Amino acid sequence: MTKVLVLHGVCLVRSALAALLRSESDFEVTSSGWRAAARQAEFLRPDVAIVDFDCPEVSAALLADTDAAARLLPRSSTPLIVLARADTPGTLRRAFRTQALGYVDKDGSPDRLVRAIEKVAAGERFIDATLASAFMEADPMPLSPRELSVLARAAEGDSVAEIARALHLASGTVRNYMAAVTRKTGARNRIDAIRISRRAGWV
């Protein structure tokens, strides 16, 4: 029996997804929030882990650190299936950097997710055609990992001082990064840069 771990920060969402998978196929499904993800992964030893990249916790963790998935899931060999949308190419680019094996369109049918689990559990790659097309057509993300991490903090409402403390940077350095973000995104100001980046799926 294929063991599946569903990871999401919202209890109702992960519980509903787990129930759906149990009804669709003969999977042993466990759901977890991110705080308990490492413990659940160590206990369950899943064949596949399903991650929703629109979940705020995973989005923040993976914005500028593609090793975060390995830390959240200590068995770094656990194959990942990413749930994403075609209209957020930035999210897709982050997903590809984690070297996930499966990419499932959240607007697709449940049988697509079931098929993805079966393929990925067998060591094969699965990519929804809609997501592949969106990724190929997406403009490259212009920000560096450090710029992206600063922007992500700003998007959460952190002040320059708070960002500086969290990232161990000088306040002037944070301002320089934000200026670079504003310039590279073609934004008018910090708020506009956040809006543009959210629309593109970068934060």
C-alpha atoms as a PDB file:
ATOM      1  CA  MET A   1       0.000   0.000   0.000  1.00  0.00           C
ATOM      2  CA  THR A   2       1.319   3.444  -0.938  1.00  0.00           C
ATOM      3  CA  LYS A   3       1.891   5.690   2.071  1.00  0.00           C
ATOM      4  CA  VAL A   4       1.078   9.347   1.443  1.00  0.00           C
ATOM      5  CA  LEU A   5       1.803  12.355   3.636  1.00  0.00           C
ATOM      6  CA  VAL A   6      -0.304  15.466   2.946  1.00  0.00           C
ATOM      7  CA  LEU A   7       1.272  18.714   4.197  1.00  0.00           C
ATOM      8  CA  HIS A   8      -0.720  21.915   4.554  1.00  0.00           C
ATOM      9  CA  GLY A   9      -0.986  24.669   7.144  1.00  0.00           C
ATOM     10  CA  VAL A  10      -4.803  24.706   7.155  1.00  0.00           C
ATOM     11  CA  CYS A  11      -6.363  21.782   9.022  1.00  0.00           C
ATOM     12  CA  LEU A  12      -9.628  21.711   7.053  1.00  0.00           C
ATOM     13  CA  VAL A  13      -7.796  21.732   3.714  1.00  0.00           C
ATOM     14  CA  ARG A  14      -5.362  18.943   4.542  1.00  0.00           C
ATOM     15  CA  SER A  15      -8.115  16.839   6.162  1.00  0.00           C
ATOM     16  CA  ALA A  16     -10.361  17.241   3.114  1.00  0.00           C
ATOM     17  CA  LEU A  17      -7.528  16.344   0.747  1.00  0.00           C
ATOM     18  CA  ALA A  18      -6.627  13.285   2.817  1.00  0.00           C
ATOM     19  CA  ALA A  19     -10.284  12.147   2.841  1.00  0.00           C
ATOM     20  CA  LEU A  20     -10.500  12.650  -0.915  1.00  0.00           C
ATOM     21  CA  LEU A  21      -7.411  10.515  -1.540  1.00  0.00           C
ATOM     22  CA  ARG A  22      -8.694   7.730   0.705  1.00  0.00           C
ATOM     23  CA  SER A  23     -11.975   7.673  -1.218  1.00  0.00           C
ATOM     24  CA  GLU A  24     -10.296   7.722  -4.635  1.00  0.00           C
ATOM     25  CA  SER A  25      -7.743   4.948  -4.153  1.00  0.00           C
ATOM     26  CA  ASP A  26      -6.218   2.455  -1.758  1.00  0.00           C
ATOM     27  CA  PHE A  27      -3.703   4.803  -0.134  1.00  0.00           C
ATOM     28  CA  GLU A  28      -2.567   4.979   3.482  1.00  0.00           C
ATOM     29  CA  VAL A  29      -2.925   8.730   3.992  1.00  0.00           C
ATOM     30  CA  THR A  30      -1.684  10.882   6.865  1.00  0.00           C
ATOM     31  CA  SER A  31      -2.071  14.663   6.988  1.00  0.00           C
ATOM     32  CA  SER A  32       0.044  17.116   8.947  1.00  0.00           C
ATOM     33  CA  GLY A  33       0.748  20.778   9.471  1.00  0.00           C
ATOM     34  CA  TRP A  34       4.280  22.056   8.950  1.00  0.00           C
ATOM     35  CA  ARG A  35       5.251  22.113  12.626  1.00  0.00           C
ATOM     36  CA  ALA A  36       4.735  18.365  12.884  1.00  0.00           C
ATOM     37  CA  ALA A  37       5.916  17.547   9.353  1.00  0.00           C
ATOM     38  CA  ALA A  38       9.386  16.284  10.293  1.00  0.00           C
ATOM     39  CA  ARG A  39       8.037  14.111  13.114  1.00  0.00           C
ATOM     40  CA  GLN A  40       5.294  12.648  10.933  1.00  0.00           C
ATOM     41  CA  ALA A  41       7.696  11.964   8.086  1.00  0.00           C
ATOM     42  CA  GLU A  42      10.120  10.173  10.407  1.00  0.00           C
ATOM     43  CA  PHE A  43       7.312   8.074  11.902  1.00  0.00           C
ATOM     44  CA  LEU A  44       5.365   7.342   8.718  1.00  0.00           C
ATOM     45  CA  ARG A  45       8.272   7.038   6.253  1.00  0.00           C
ATOM     46  CA  PRO A  46       5.953   7.988   3.367  1.00  0.00           C
ATOM     47  CA  ASP A  47       6.387   6.891  -0.207  1.00  0.00           C
ATOM     48  CA  VAL A  48       5.166  10.313  -1.373  1.00  0.00           C
ATOM     49  CA  ALA A  49       4.698  13.719   0.272  1.00  0.00           C
ATOM     50  CA  ILE A  50       2.195  16.192  -1.171  1.00  0.00           C
ATOM     51  CA  VAL A  51       2.992  19.884  -0.700  1.00  0.00           C
ATOM     52  CA  ASP A  52       0.787  22.866  -1.480  1.00  0.00           C
ATOM     53  CA  PHE A  53       3.090  25.729  -2.498  1.00  0.00           C
ATOM     54  CA  ASP A  54       0.318  28.273  -1.970  1.00  0.00           C
ATOM     55  CA  CYS A  55       0.335  27.439   1.731  1.00  0.00           C
ATOM     56  CA  PRO A  56       1.934  30.457   3.494  1.00  0.00           C
ATOM     57  CA  GLU A  57       4.238  28.352   5.683  1.00  0.00           C
ATOM     58  CA  VAL A  58       5.848  26.425   2.844  1.00  0.00           C
ATOM     59  CA  SER A  59       5.896  29.451   0.558  1.00  0.00           C
ATOM     60  CA  ALA A  60       7.876  31.458   3.110  1.00  0.00           C
ATOM     61  CA  ALA A  61      10.192  28.570   3.877  1.00  0.00           C
ATOM     62  CA  LEU A  62      11.051  27.880   0.255  1.00  0.00           C
ATOM     63  CA  LEU A  63      11.226  31.397  -1.157  1.00  0.00           C
ATOM     64  CA  ALA A  64      14.989  31.612  -1.000  1.00  0.00           C
ATOM     65  CA  ASP A  65      15.985  28.254   0.440  1.00  0.00           C
ATOM     66  CA  THR A  66      15.378  25.185  -1.685  1.00  0.00           C
ATOM     67  CA  ASP A  67      16.871  22.948   1.031  1.00  0.00           C
ATOM     68  CA  ALA A  68      13.992  23.819   3.343  1.00  0.00           C
ATOM     69  CA  ALA A  69      11.964  20.857   2.142  1.00  0.00           C
ATOM     70  CA  ALA A  70      14.788  18.528   3.155  1.00  0.00           C
ATOM     71  CA  ARG A  71      14.813  20.048   6.647  1.00  0.00           C
ATOM     72  CA  LEU A  72      11.045  19.851   7.001  1.00  0.00           C
ATOM     73  CA  LEU A  73      11.139  16.289   5.722  1.00  0.00           C
ATOM     74  CA  PRO A  74      14.266  14.696   7.207  1.00  0.00           C
ATOM     75  CA  ARG A  75      14.074  11.804   4.789  1.00  0.00           C
ATOM     76  CA  SER A  76      15.212  13.994   1.931  1.00  0.00           C
ATOM     77  CA  SER A  77      14.753  11.072  -0.460  1.00  0.00           C
ATOM     78  CA  THR A  78      10.976  11.268   0.032  1.00  0.00           C
ATOM     79  CA  PRO A  79       9.566  12.133  -3.407  1.00  0.00           C
ATOM     80  CA  LEU A  80       7.581  15.362  -3.457  1.00  0.00           C
ATOM     81  CA  ILE A  81       4.413  16.163  -5.360  1.00  0.00           C
ATOM     82  CA  VAL A  82       3.712  19.869  -5.659  1.00  0.00           C
ATOM     83  CA  LEU A  83       0.208  21.295  -5.931  1.00  0.00           C
ATOM     84  CA  ALA A  84       0.281  24.557  -7.878  1.00  0.00           C
ATOM     85  CA  ARG A  85      -1.682  26.732 -10.278  1.00  0.00           C
ATOM     86  CA  ALA A  86      -0.826  27.648 -13.847  1.00  0.00           C
ATOM     87  CA  ASP A  87      -1.366  31.361 -13.162  1.00  0.00           C
ATOM     88  CA  THR A  88       1.501  31.546 -10.615  1.00  0.00           C
ATOM     89  CA  PRO A  89       4.657  30.855 -12.642  1.00  0.00           C
ATOM     90  CA  GLY A  90       6.909  32.057  -9.830  1.00  0.00           C
ATOM     91  CA  THR A  91       5.578  29.298  -7.601  1.00  0.00           C
ATOM     92  CA  LEU A  92       6.274  26.780 -10.333  1.00  0.00           C
ATOM     93  CA  ARG A  93       9.852  27.952 -10.675  1.00  0.00           C
ATOM     94  CA  ARG A  94      10.417  27.513  -6.942  1.00  0.00           C
ATOM     95  CA  ALA A  95       8.858  24.064  -7.164  1.00  0.00           C
ATOM     96  CA  PHE A  96      11.209  23.037  -9.962  1.00  0.00           C
ATOM     97  CA  ARG A  97      14.186  24.148  -7.864  1.00  0.00           C
ATOM     98  CA  THR A  98      13.185  21.720  -5.090  1.00  0.00           C
ATOM     99  CA  GLN A  99      13.533  18.891  -7.633  1.00  0.00           C
ATOM    100  CA  ALA A 100      10.054  17.576  -6.895  1.00  0.00           C
ATOM    101  CA  LEU A 101       9.030  14.622  -9.034  1.00  0.00           C
ATOM    102  CA  GLY A 102       5.359  15.509  -9.416  1.00  0.00           C
ATOM    103  CA  TYR A 103       3.574  18.732 -10.394  1.00  0.00           C
ATOM    104  CA  VAL A 104      -0.218  18.691 -10.238  1.00  0.00           C
ATOM    105  CA  ASP A 105      -2.544  21.495 -11.312  1.00  0.00           C
ATOM    106  CA  LYS A 106      -4.829  22.413  -8.404  1.00  0.00           C
ATOM    107  CA  ASP A 107      -7.591  23.187 -10.906  1.00  0.00           C
ATOM    108  CA  GLY A 108      -7.402  19.666 -12.317  1.00  0.00           C
ATOM    109  CA  SER A 109      -9.476  16.605 -11.474  1.00  0.00           C
ATOM    110  CA  PRO A 110      -8.785  14.347  -8.450  1.00  0.00           C
ATOM    111  CA  ASP A 111      -7.835  11.449 -10.707  1.00  0.00           C
ATOM    112  CA  ARG A 112      -4.853  13.495 -11.909  1.00  0.00           C
ATOM    113  CA  LEU A 113      -3.529  13.651  -8.366  1.00  0.00           C
ATOM    114  CA  VAL A 114      -4.122   9.927  -7.893  1.00  0.00           C
ATOM    115  CA  ARG A 115      -2.239   9.247 -11.111  1.00  0.00           C
ATOM    116  CA  ALA A 116       0.600  11.495  -9.975  1.00  0.00           C
ATOM    117  CA  ILE A 117       0.907   9.619  -6.673  1.00  0.00           C
ATOM    118  CA  GLU A 118       1.044   6.288  -8.454  1.00  0.00           C
ATOM    119  CA  LYS A 119       3.692   7.497 -10.914  1.00  0.00           C
ATOM    120  CA  VAL A 120       5.870   9.273  -8.355  1.00  0.00           C
ATOM    121  CA  ALA A 121       5.688   6.382  -5.874  1.00  0.00           C
ATOM    122  CA  ALA A 122       7.045   4.209  -8.701  1.00  0.00           C
ATOM    123  CA  GLY A 123       9.949   6.610  -9.188  1.00  0.00           C
ATOM    124  CA  GLU A 124       8.574   8.270 -12.309  1.00  0.00           C
ATOM    125  CA  ARG A 125       8.009  11.958 -13.027  1.00  0.00           C
ATOM    126  CA  PHE A 126       4.539  13.431 -13.449  1.00  0.00           C
ATOM    127  CA  ILE A 127       3.848  16.941 -14.776  1.00  0.00           C
ATOM    128  CA  ASP A 128       0.420  18.277 -15.692  1.00  0.00           C
ATOM    129  CA  ALA A 129       0.529  19.672 -19.215  1.00  0.00           C
ATOM    130  CA  THR A 130      -1.053  22.952 -18.094  1.00  0.00           C
ATOM    131  CA  LEU A 131       1.726  23.531 -15.569  1.00  0.00           C
ATOM    132  CA  ALA A 132       4.458  22.606 -18.025  1.00  0.00           C
ATOM    133  CA  SER A 133       3.103  25.123 -20.525  1.00  0.00           C
ATOM    134  CA  ALA A 134       2.863  27.839 -17.873  1.00  0.00           C
ATOM    135  CA  PHE A 135       6.420  27.245 -16.753  1.00  0.00           C
ATOM    136  CA  MET A 136       7.805  27.368 -20.288  1.00  0.00           C
ATOM    137  CA  GLU A 137       5.921  30.598 -21.033  1.00  0.00           C
ATOM    138  CA  ALA A 138       6.796  32.353 -17.785  1.00  0.00           C
ATOM    139  CA  ASP A 139       9.201  35.247 -17.689  1.00  0.00           C
ATOM    140  CA  PRO A 140      12.353  34.529 -15.676  1.00  0.00           C
ATOM    141  CA  MET A 141      12.253  35.697 -12.072  1.00  0.00           C
ATOM    142  CA  PRO A 142      14.629  38.703 -11.904  1.00  0.00           C
ATOM    143  CA  LEU A 143      15.381  38.715  -8.169  1.00  0.00           C
ATOM    144  CA  SER A 144      18.318  37.123  -6.395  1.00  0.00           C
ATOM    145  CA  PRO A 145      17.647  34.715  -3.494  1.00  0.00           C
ATOM    146  CA  ARG A 146      18.608  37.396  -0.955  1.00  0.00           C
ATOM    147  CA  GLU A 147      16.410  40.015  -2.620  1.00  0.00           C
ATOM    148  CA  LEU A 148      13.575  37.532  -2.612  1.00  0.00           C
ATOM    149  CA  SER A 149      14.012  36.747   1.077  1.00  0.00           C
ATOM    150  CA  VAL A 150      13.954  40.463   1.927  1.00  0.00           C
ATOM    151  CA  LEU A 151      10.864  40.979  -0.225  1.00  0.00           C
ATOM    152  CA  ALA A 152       9.114  38.012   1.393  1.00  0.00           C
ATOM    153  CA  ARG A 153       9.641  39.538   4.841  1.00  0.00           C
ATOM    154  CA  ALA A 154       8.406  42.891   3.600  1.00  0.00           C
ATOM    155  CA  ALA A 155       5.316  41.225   2.140  1.00  0.00           C
ATOM    156  CA  GLU A 156       4.561  39.808   5.588  1.00  0.00           C
ATOM    157  CA  GLY A 157       4.557  43.355   6.965  1.00  0.00           C
ATOM    158  CA  ASP A 158       7.994  43.348   8.638  1.00  0.00           C
ATOM    159  CA  SER A 159       9.730  46.690   9.056  1.00  0.00           C
ATOM    160  CA  VAL A 160      13.258  47.341   7.800  1.00  0.00           C
ATOM    161  CA  ALA A 161      14.588  46.831  11.334  1.00  0.00           C
ATOM    162  CA  GLU A 162      12.699  43.548  11.731  1.00  0.00           C
ATOM    163  CA  ILE A 163      13.949  42.270   8.370  1.00  0.00           C
ATOM    164  CA  ALA A 164      17.494  43.246   9.283  1.00  0.00           C
ATOM    165  CA  ARG A 165      17.326  41.353  12.581  1.00  0.00           C
ATOM    166  CA  ALA A 166      15.730  38.268  11.049  1.00  0.00           C
ATOM    167  CA  LEU A 167      18.220  38.028   8.177  1.00  0.00           C
ATOM    168  CA  HIS A 168      21.253  39.273  10.138  1.00  0.00           C
ATOM    169  CA  LEU A 169      21.764  42.274   7.887  1.00  0.00           C
ATOM    170  CA  ALA A 170      22.363  45.977   8.436  1.00  0.00           C
ATOM    171  CA  SER A 171      19.298  48.188   7.984  1.00  0.00           C
ATOM    172  CA  GLY A 172      21.044  50.041   5.158  1.00  0.00           C
ATOM    173  CA  THR A 173      21.664  46.749   3.378  1.00  0.00           C
ATOM    174  CA  VAL A 174      17.976  45.878   3.642  1.00  0.00           C
ATOM    175  CA  ARG A 175      17.065  49.254   2.123  1.00  0.00           C
ATOM    176  CA  ASN A 176      19.522  48.633  -0.710  1.00  0.00           C
ATOM    177  CA  TYR A 177      17.954  45.248  -1.401  1.00  0.00           C
ATOM    178  CA  MET A 178      14.466  46.757  -1.420  1.00  0.00           C
ATOM    179  CA  ALA A 179      15.632  49.464  -3.816  1.00  0.00           C
ATOM    180  CA  ALA A 180      17.012  46.760  -6.109  1.00  0.00           C
ATOM    181  CA  VAL A 181      13.735  44.833  -5.891  1.00  0.00           C
ATOM    182  CA  THR A 182      11.747  47.936  -6.792  1.00  0.00           C
ATOM    183  CA  ARG A 183      14.010  48.641  -9.763  1.00  0.00           C
ATOM    184  CA  LYS A 184      14.083  45.063 -11.073  1.00  0.00           C
ATOM    185  CA  THR A 185      10.327  44.584 -10.859  1.00  0.00           C
ATOM    186  CA  GLY A 186       9.618  47.938 -12.484  1.00  0.00           C
ATOM    187  CA  ALA A 187       7.591  48.949  -9.432  1.00  0.00           C
ATOM    188  CA  ARG A 188       6.864  52.479  -8.247  1.00  0.00           C
ATOM    189  CA  ASN A 189       7.569  51.695  -4.616  1.00  0.00           C
ATOM    190  CA  ARG A 190       7.806  48.895  -2.053  1.00  0.00           C
ATOM    191  CA  ILE A 191       4.043  48.265  -1.972  1.00  0.00           C
ATOM    192  CA  ASP A 192       3.892  48.080  -5.752  1.00  0.00           C
ATOM    193  CA  ALA A 193       6.859  45.676  -5.788  1.00  0.00           C
ATOM    194  CA  ILE A 194       5.021  43.382  -3.374  1.00  0.00           C
ATOM    195  CA  ARG A 195       1.866  43.535  -5.509  1.00  0.00           C
ATOM    196  CA  ILE A 196       3.760  42.713  -8.706  1.00  0.00           C
ATOM    197  CA  SER A 197       5.662  39.881  -7.054  1.00  0.00           C
ATOM    198  CA  ARG A 198       2.546  38.338  -5.533  1.00  0.00           C
ATOM    199  CA  ARG A 199       0.764  38.433  -8.870  1.00  0.00           C
ATOM    200  CA  ALA A 200       3.721  36.634 -10.443  1.00  0.00           C
ATOM    201  CA  GLY A 201       3.770  34.047  -7.653  1.00  0.00           C
ATOM    202  CA  TRP A 202       7.242  34.944  -6.386  1.00  0.00           C
ATOM    203  CA  VAL A 203       6.046  35.634  -2.824  1.00  0.00           C
END
